[in-house]
C-alpha atoms as a PDB file:
ATOM      1  CA  MET A   1      54.070  79.744 213.754  1.00  0.00           C
ATOM      2  CA  ILE A   2      56.967  82.175 213.874  1.00  0.00           C
ATOM      3  CA  VAL A   3      57.626  84.863 211.252  1.00  0.00           C
ATOM      4  CA  GLU A   4      61.053  86.495 211.346  1.00  0.00           C
ATOM      5  CA  LYS A   5      61.993  89.420 209.120  1.00  0.00           C
ATOM      6  CA  PHE A   6      65.453  90.149 207.749  1.00  0.00           C
ATOM      7  CA  PRO A   7      65.830  93.357 205.683  1.00  0.00           C
ATOM      8  CA  LEU A   8      68.549  92.496 203.165  1.00  0.00           C
ATOM      9  CA  GLY A   9      70.184  93.898 200.052  1.00  0.00           C
ATOM     10  CA  MET A  10      70.661  97.365 198.644  1.00  0.00           C
ATOM     11  CA  VAL A  11      67.035  98.426 199.089  1.00  0.00           C
ATOM     12  CA  ARG A  12      66.442  96.646 202.408  1.00  0.00           C
ATOM     13  CA  THR A  13      63.973  94.110 201.075  1.00  0.00           C
ATOM     14  CA  ASN A  14      62.196  92.043 203.706  1.00  0.00           C
ATOM     15  CA  CYS A  15      63.197  88.400 203.568  1.00  0.00           C
ATOM     16  CA  TYR A  16      60.932  86.264 205.763  1.00  0.00           C
ATOM     17  CA  LEU A  17      61.800  83.063 207.574  1.00  0.00           C
ATOM     18  CA  VAL A  18      58.577  81.314 208.583  1.00  0.00           C
ATOM     19  CA  TYR A  19      58.788  78.208 210.730  1.00  0.00           C
ATOM     20  CA  ASN A  20      56.861  75.814 212.916  1.00  0.00           C
ATOM     21  CA  VAL A  21      58.416  75.792 216.382  1.00  0.00           C
ATOM     22  CA  ASP A  22      57.235  72.242 217.061  1.00  0.00           C
ATOM     23  CA  THR A  23      58.340  70.484 213.875  1.00  0.00           C
ATOM     24  CA  LYS A  24      61.261  72.816 212.993  1.00  0.00           C
ATOM     25  CA  GLU A  25      59.995  72.919 209.402  1.00  0.00           C
ATOM     26  CA  ALA A  26      60.661  76.233 207.662  1.00  0.00           C
ATOM     27  CA  ILE A  27      60.186  78.173 204.451  1.00  0.00           C
ATOM     28  CA  ILE A  28      61.861  81.285 203.094  1.00  0.00           C
ATOM     29  CA  VAL A  29      59.747  83.947 201.420  1.00  0.00           C
ATOM     30  CA  ASP A  30      61.649  86.283 199.075  1.00  0.00           C
ATOM     31  CA  PRO A  31      65.332  85.542 199.807  1.00  0.00           C
ATOM     32  CA  ALA A  32      66.480  89.037 198.967  1.00  0.00           C
ATOM     33  CA  ASP A  33      70.266  88.713 199.239  1.00  0.00           C
ATOM     34  CA  ASN A  34      73.138  87.305 201.318  1.00  0.00           C
ATOM     35  CA  GLY A  35      72.331  83.619 201.117  1.00  0.00           C
ATOM     36  CA  ALA A  36      75.169  82.738 203.487  1.00  0.00           C
ATOM     37  CA  TYR A  37      73.618  84.880 206.212  1.00  0.00           C
ATOM     38  CA  ILE A  38      70.188  83.323 205.688  1.00  0.00           C
ATOM     39  CA  LYS A  39      71.770  79.865 205.850  1.00  0.00           C
ATOM     40  CA  SER A  40      73.514  80.741 209.113  1.00  0.00           C
ATOM     41  CA  ILE A  41      70.172  81.695 210.685  1.00  0.00           C
ATOM     42  CA  ILE A  42      68.573  78.456 209.507  1.00  0.00           C
ATOM     43  CA  GLU A  43      71.445  76.410 210.939  1.00  0.00           C
ATOM     44  CA  GLU A  44      71.532  78.366 214.190  1.00  0.00           C
ATOM     45  CA  LYS A  45      67.864  77.539 214.756  1.00  0.00           C
ATOM     46  CA  ASP A  46      68.333  73.942 213.544  1.00  0.00           C
ATOM     47  CA  LEU A  47      65.503  74.277 211.018  1.00  0.00           C
ATOM     48  CA  ASN A  48      64.527  71.992 208.155  1.00  0.00           C
ATOM     49  CA  LEU A  49      64.077  74.260 205.141  1.00  0.00           C
ATOM     50  CA  GLN A  50      61.303  72.959 202.879  1.00  0.00           C
ATOM     51  CA  ALA A  51      60.751  75.524 200.130  1.00  0.00           C
ATOM     52  CA  ILE A  52      61.366  79.000 198.765  1.00  0.00           C
ATOM     53  CA  LEU A  53      58.242  81.025 198.015  1.00  0.00           C
ATOM     54  CA  LEU A  54      58.479  84.101 195.813  1.00  0.00           C
ATOM     55  CA  THR A  55      55.911  86.880 195.841  1.00  0.00           C
ATOM     56  CA  HIS A  56      57.315  88.175 192.546  1.00  0.00           C
ATOM     57  CA  GLY A  57      60.480  88.177 190.487  1.00  0.00           C
ATOM     58  CA  HIS A  58      62.192  91.541 190.944  1.00  0.00           C
ATOM     59  CA  PHE A  59      65.914  91.251 191.577  1.00  0.00           C
ATOM     60  CA  ASP A  60      65.749  92.543 195.143  1.00  0.00           C
ATOM     61  CA  HIS A  61      63.526  89.614 196.138  1.00  0.00           C
ATOM     62  CA  ILE A  62      65.468  86.792 194.462  1.00  0.00           C
ATOM     63  CA  MET A  63      69.219  87.427 194.743  1.00  0.00           C
ATOM     64  CA  ALA A  64      69.816  84.594 197.246  1.00  0.00           C
ATOM     65  CA  VAL A  65      67.637  81.985 195.519  1.00  0.00           C
ATOM     66  CA  ALA A  66      70.476  80.235 193.703  1.00  0.00           C
ATOM     67  CA  TYR A  67      72.630  79.968 196.826  1.00  0.00           C
ATOM     68  CA  LEU A  68      69.849  78.532 198.963  1.00  0.00           C
ATOM     69  CA  LYS A  69      68.657  76.118 196.312  1.00  0.00           C
ATOM     70  CA  GLU A  70      72.192  74.812 195.828  1.00  0.00           C
ATOM     71  CA  ASN A  71      72.662  74.293 199.557  1.00  0.00           C
ATOM     72  CA  TYR A  72      69.261  72.812 200.375  1.00  0.00           C
ATOM     73  CA  GLN A  73      67.953  71.262 197.127  1.00  0.00           C
ATOM     74  CA  ILE A  74      64.467  72.606 197.742  1.00  0.00           C
ATOM     75  CA  PRO A  75      61.758  73.748 195.312  1.00  0.00           C
ATOM     76  CA  VAL A  76      61.307  77.361 194.288  1.00  0.00           C
ATOM     77  CA  MET A  77      57.685  78.399 193.846  1.00  0.00           C
ATOM     78  CA  ALA A  78      56.138  81.400 192.096  1.00  0.00           C
ATOM     79  CA  HIS A  79      52.981  82.241 190.188  1.00  0.00           C
ATOM     80  CA  GLU A  80      52.728  80.877 186.671  1.00  0.00           C
ATOM     81  CA  GLN A  81      52.492  84.379 185.178  1.00  0.00           C
ATOM     82  CA  GLU A  82      55.809  85.429 186.749  1.00  0.00           C
ATOM     83  CA  LYS A  83      58.027  83.117 184.672  1.00  0.00           C
ATOM     84  CA  GLU A  84      58.963  85.870 182.219  1.00  0.00           C
ATOM     85  CA  ILE A  85      59.993  88.229 185.024  1.00  0.00           C
ATOM     86  CA  LEU A  86      62.104  85.629 186.821  1.00  0.00           C
ATOM     87  CA  GLU A  87      63.965  84.606 183.689  1.00  0.00           C
ATOM     88  CA  ASP A  88      64.492  88.017 182.033  1.00  0.00           C
ATOM     89  CA  PRO A  89      67.144  90.324 183.602  1.00  0.00           C
ATOM     90  CA  ALA A  90      65.590  93.339 181.879  1.00  0.00           C
ATOM     91  CA  LYS A  91      62.149  92.654 183.338  1.00  0.00           C
ATOM     92  CA  ASN A  92      63.389  91.684 186.803  1.00  0.00           C
ATOM     93  CA  LEU A  93      65.565  94.834 186.757  1.00  0.00           C
ATOM     94  CA  SER A  94      68.815  93.034 187.546  1.00  0.00           C
ATOM     95  CA  ASP A  95      70.333  94.220 184.269  1.00  0.00           C
ATOM     96  CA  SER A  96      70.609  97.698 185.789  1.00  0.00           C
ATOM     97  CA  MET A  97      72.588  96.444 188.800  1.00  0.00           C
ATOM     98  CA  GLY A  98      76.110  96.684 187.416  1.00  0.00           C
ATOM     99  CA  GLY A  99      76.137  93.486 185.397  1.00  0.00           C
ATOM    100  CA  ASN A 100      74.853  91.201 188.166  1.00  0.00           C
ATOM    101  CA  PHE A 101      72.242  89.571 185.958  1.00  0.00           C
ATOM    102  CA  CYS A 102      69.874  87.354 187.918  1.00  0.00           C
ATOM    103  CA  ILE A 103      67.838  84.546 186.379  1.00  0.00           C
ATOM    104  CA  VAL A 104      65.674  82.224 188.456  1.00  0.00           C
ATOM    105  CA  LYS A 105      64.084  79.015 187.206  1.00  0.00           C
ATOM    106  CA  ALA A 106      61.103  78.161 189.376  1.00  0.00           C
ATOM    107  CA  ASP A 107      60.423  74.493 190.066  1.00  0.00           C
ATOM    108  CA  ARG A 108      56.716  74.881 190.628  1.00  0.00           C
ATOM    109  CA  PHE A 109      54.367  77.435 189.148  1.00  0.00           C
ATOM    110  CA  LEU A 110      51.307  78.227 191.232  1.00  0.00           C
ATOM    111  CA  LYS A 111      47.767  79.163 190.279  1.00  0.00           C
ATOM    112  CA  ASP A 112      45.412  81.610 191.937  1.00  0.00           C
ATOM    113  CA  GLY A 113      43.809  79.997 194.951  1.00  0.00           C
ATOM    114  CA  GLU A 114      46.244  77.093 195.040  1.00  0.00           C
ATOM    115  CA  VAL A 115      46.820  75.846 198.579  1.00  0.00           C
ATOM    116  CA  LEU A 116      50.250  74.691 199.723  1.00  0.00           C
ATOM    117  CA  GLU A 117      50.499  72.282 202.622  1.00  0.00           C
ATOM    118  CA  LEU A 118      53.717  73.259 204.365  1.00  0.00           C
ATOM    119  CA  LEU A 119      54.859  73.703 207.979  1.00  0.00           C
ATOM    120  CA  GLY A 120      51.904  71.682 209.187  1.00  0.00           C
ATOM    121  CA  THR A 121      49.443  74.298 207.936  1.00  0.00           C
ATOM    122  CA  LYS A 122      47.820  75.545 204.737  1.00  0.00           C
ATOM    123  CA  ILE A 123      49.117  78.503 202.753  1.00  0.00           C
ATOM    124  CA  LYS A 124      46.798  79.961 200.123  1.00  0.00           C
ATOM    125  CA  THR A 125      48.147  81.611 196.988  1.00  0.00           C
ATOM    126  CA  LEU A 126      46.384  84.893 196.211  1.00  0.00           C
ATOM    127  CA  TYR A 127      47.081  86.168 192.701  1.00  0.00           C
ATOM    128  CA  THR A 128      47.526  89.942 193.020  1.00  0.00           C
ATOM    129  CA  PRO A 129      48.972  91.332 189.772  1.00  0.00           C
ATOM    130  CA  GLY A 130      49.723  95.004 189.326  1.00  0.00           C
ATOM    131  CA  HIS A 131      53.219  95.471 190.698  1.00  0.00           C
ATOM    132  CA  THR A 132      54.205  92.722 188.255  1.00  0.00           C
ATOM    133  CA  ILE A 133      52.093  90.509 186.030  1.00  0.00           C
ATOM    134  CA  GLY A 134      52.532  87.472 188.264  1.00  0.00           C
ATOM    135  CA  GLY A 135      52.619  88.966 191.735  1.00  0.00           C
ATOM    136  CA  VAL A 136      51.087  86.969 194.575  1.00  0.00           C
ATOM    137  CA  CYS A 137      50.475  87.174 198.299  1.00  0.00           C
ATOM    138  CA  TYR A 138      50.615  84.154 200.601  1.00  0.00           C
ATOM    139  CA  LEU A 139      47.830  83.792 203.149  1.00  0.00           C
ATOM    140  CA  PHE A 140      48.137  81.648 206.265  1.00  0.00           C
ATOM    141  CA  GLU A 141      44.386  81.470 206.880  1.00  0.00           C
ATOM    142  CA  LYS A 142      44.432  79.726 210.258  1.00  0.00           C
ATOM    143  CA  GLU A 143      47.201  81.948 211.630  1.00  0.00           C
ATOM    144  CA  LYS A 144      45.801  85.125 210.002  1.00  0.00           C
ATOM    145  CA  LEU A 145      49.127  86.084 208.441  1.00  0.00           C
ATOM    146  CA  LEU A 146      49.638  87.558 204.981  1.00  0.00           C
ATOM    147  CA  LEU A 147      52.967  87.837 203.165  1.00  0.00           C
ATOM    148  CA  SER A 148      52.120  90.627 200.731  1.00  0.00           C
ATOM    149  CA  GLY A 149      55.364  91.174 198.816  1.00  0.00           C
ATOM    150  CA  ASP A 150      55.264  94.523 197.016  1.00  0.00           C
ATOM    151  CA  THR A 151      51.494  94.525 196.531  1.00  0.00           C
ATOM    152  CA  LEU A 152      50.453  96.164 199.796  1.00  0.00           C
ATOM    153  CA  PHE A 153      52.577  98.175 202.237  1.00  0.00           C
ATOM    154  CA  ASN A 154      52.015  99.943 205.525  1.00  0.00           C
ATOM    155  CA  GLY A 155      50.224 103.060 204.299  1.00  0.00           C
ATOM    156  CA  SER A 156      51.173 102.536 200.684  1.00  0.00           C
ATOM    157  CA  VAL A 157      51.094 100.183 197.684  1.00  0.00           C
ATOM    158  CA  GLY A 158      53.669  98.807 195.276  1.00  0.00           C
ATOM    159  CA  ARG A 159      54.988 100.736 192.303  1.00  0.00           C
ATOM    160  CA  SER A 160      53.382 100.026 188.968  1.00  0.00           C
ATOM    161  CA  ASP A 161      55.828 101.752 186.613  1.00  0.00           C
ATOM    162  CA  PHE A 162      58.092  98.722 186.105  1.00  0.00           C
ATOM    163  CA  PRO A 163      57.713  96.201 183.240  1.00  0.00           C
ATOM    164  CA  THR A 164      54.259  94.495 183.279  1.00  0.00           C
ATOM    165  CA  GLY A 165      53.008  96.809 186.059  1.00  0.00           C
ATOM    166  CA  SER A 166      49.558  98.412 186.073  1.00  0.00           C
ATOM    167  CA  THR A 167      48.105 100.833 188.617  1.00  0.00           C
ATOM    168  CA  SER A 168      44.484  99.953 187.911  1.00  0.00           C
ATOM    169  CA  THR A 169      45.246  96.232 188.113  1.00  0.00           C
ATOM    170  CA  LEU A 170      47.113  96.679 191.401  1.00  0.00           C
ATOM    171  CA  VAL A 171      44.265  98.618 193.024  1.00  0.00           C
ATOM    172  CA  ARG A 172      41.760  96.023 191.818  1.00  0.00           C
ATOM    173  CA  SER A 173      43.914  93.202 193.200  1.00  0.00           C
ATOM    174  CA  ILE A 174      44.073  94.828 196.623  1.00  0.00           C
ATOM    175  CA  LYS A 175      40.350  95.551 196.743  1.00  0.00           C
ATOM    176  CA  ASP A 176      39.221  92.176 195.427  1.00  0.00           C
ATOM    177  CA  LYS A 177      41.754  89.833 197.036  1.00  0.00           C
ATOM    178  CA  LEU A 178      43.104  91.544 200.167  1.00  0.00           C
ATOM    179  CA  PHE A 179      40.509  93.956 201.485  1.00  0.00           C
ATOM    180  CA  VAL A 180      37.968  91.132 201.664  1.00  0.00           C
ATOM    181  CA  LEU A 181      40.092  89.493 204.386  1.00  0.00           C
ATOM    182  CA  GLU A 182      39.417  89.954 208.098  1.00  0.00           C
ATOM    183  CA  ASP A 183      40.585  93.126 209.811  1.00  0.00           C
ATOM    184  CA  ASP A 184      42.963  91.305 212.155  1.00  0.00           C
ATOM    185  CA  VAL A 185      45.014  89.611 209.424  1.00  0.00           C
ATOM    186  CA  ILE A 186      48.594  90.794 209.965  1.00  0.00           C
ATOM    187  CA  VAL A 187      50.344  91.952 206.792  1.00  0.00           C
ATOM    188  CA  TYR A 188      54.071  91.329 206.329  1.00  0.00           C
ATOM    189  CA  PRO A 189      55.119  93.456 203.324  1.00  0.00           C
ATOM    190  CA  GLY A 190      58.161  93.345 201.089  1.00  0.00           C
ATOM    191  CA  HIS A 191      59.547  96.570 202.543  1.00  0.00           C
ATOM    192  CA  GLU A 192      59.219  98.512 205.786  1.00  0.00           C
ATOM    193  CA  ASP A 193      56.973  97.607 208.726  1.00  0.00           C
ATOM    194  CA  GLU A 194      54.066  95.269 209.358  1.00  0.00           C
ATOM    195  CA  THR A 195      50.456  96.429 209.283  1.00  0.00           C
ATOM    196  CA  SER A 196      46.990  94.866 209.240  1.00  0.00           C
ATOM    197  CA  ILE A 197      44.209  94.518 206.720  1.00  0.00           C
ATOM    198  CA  GLY A 198      41.869  96.553 208.922  1.00  0.00           C
ATOM    199  CA  ARG A 199      44.352  99.398 209.218  1.00  0.00           C
ATOM    200  CA  GLU A 200      45.019  99.521 205.479  1.00  0.00           C
ATOM    201  CA  ARG A 201      41.351  99.283 204.567  1.00  0.00           C
ATOM    202  CA  LYS A 202      40.695 102.286 206.802  1.00  0.00           C
ATOM    203  CA  PHE A 203      43.748 104.456 206.282  1.00  0.00           C
ATOM    204  CA  ASN A 204      45.602 103.537 203.076  1.00  0.00           C
ATOM    205  CA  PRO A 205      45.430 106.707 200.925  1.00  0.00           C
ATOM    206  CA  TYR A 206      46.063 104.880 197.644  1.00  0.00           C
ATOM    207  CA  ILE A 207      42.946 102.727 197.751  1.00  0.00           C
ATOM    208  CA  GLY A 208      39.776 104.718 197.361  1.00  0.00           C
END
């Protein structure tokens, strides 16, 4: 399994292209912006895009959803509690971006613990609210990979001062859902560099 990171958009949000090198099946996690560029990468690698997975609904993680869905006719997936964020420009913060309102209609709403069978493997949905009410992380258990969105960062955690955010809920999510994972699970966050569960459990100053 290959995970490629593309920092895109005004705040350099990490868009991830995850694909199976044998089958050429691929998914996009958090298509931040510049759908045409993402499409060019998919075509260059001759990949078969299967789905768009969203960790949460903030504008900087969803700006290219409409373009990719139109070009590939694939399902968009998010947690069931994130519907209000995805569909409300005030709550997804796009209303403050110079009139570029962004509304996303998910095709499939996921539940905590729900397992997706994509790319020839299993991807587990971990409900981790706190940054937003419907935030999730996606765990590739066999491959020991975690796409953490804006829940957990390298040496930090997501903000909780946006609509539906909660610091106490975020810390509880990280402790209960992420820090119970094995040390060698690699974490691919929504911004900045990769880390590991073991490193964050030991050194992250925001989780006591």
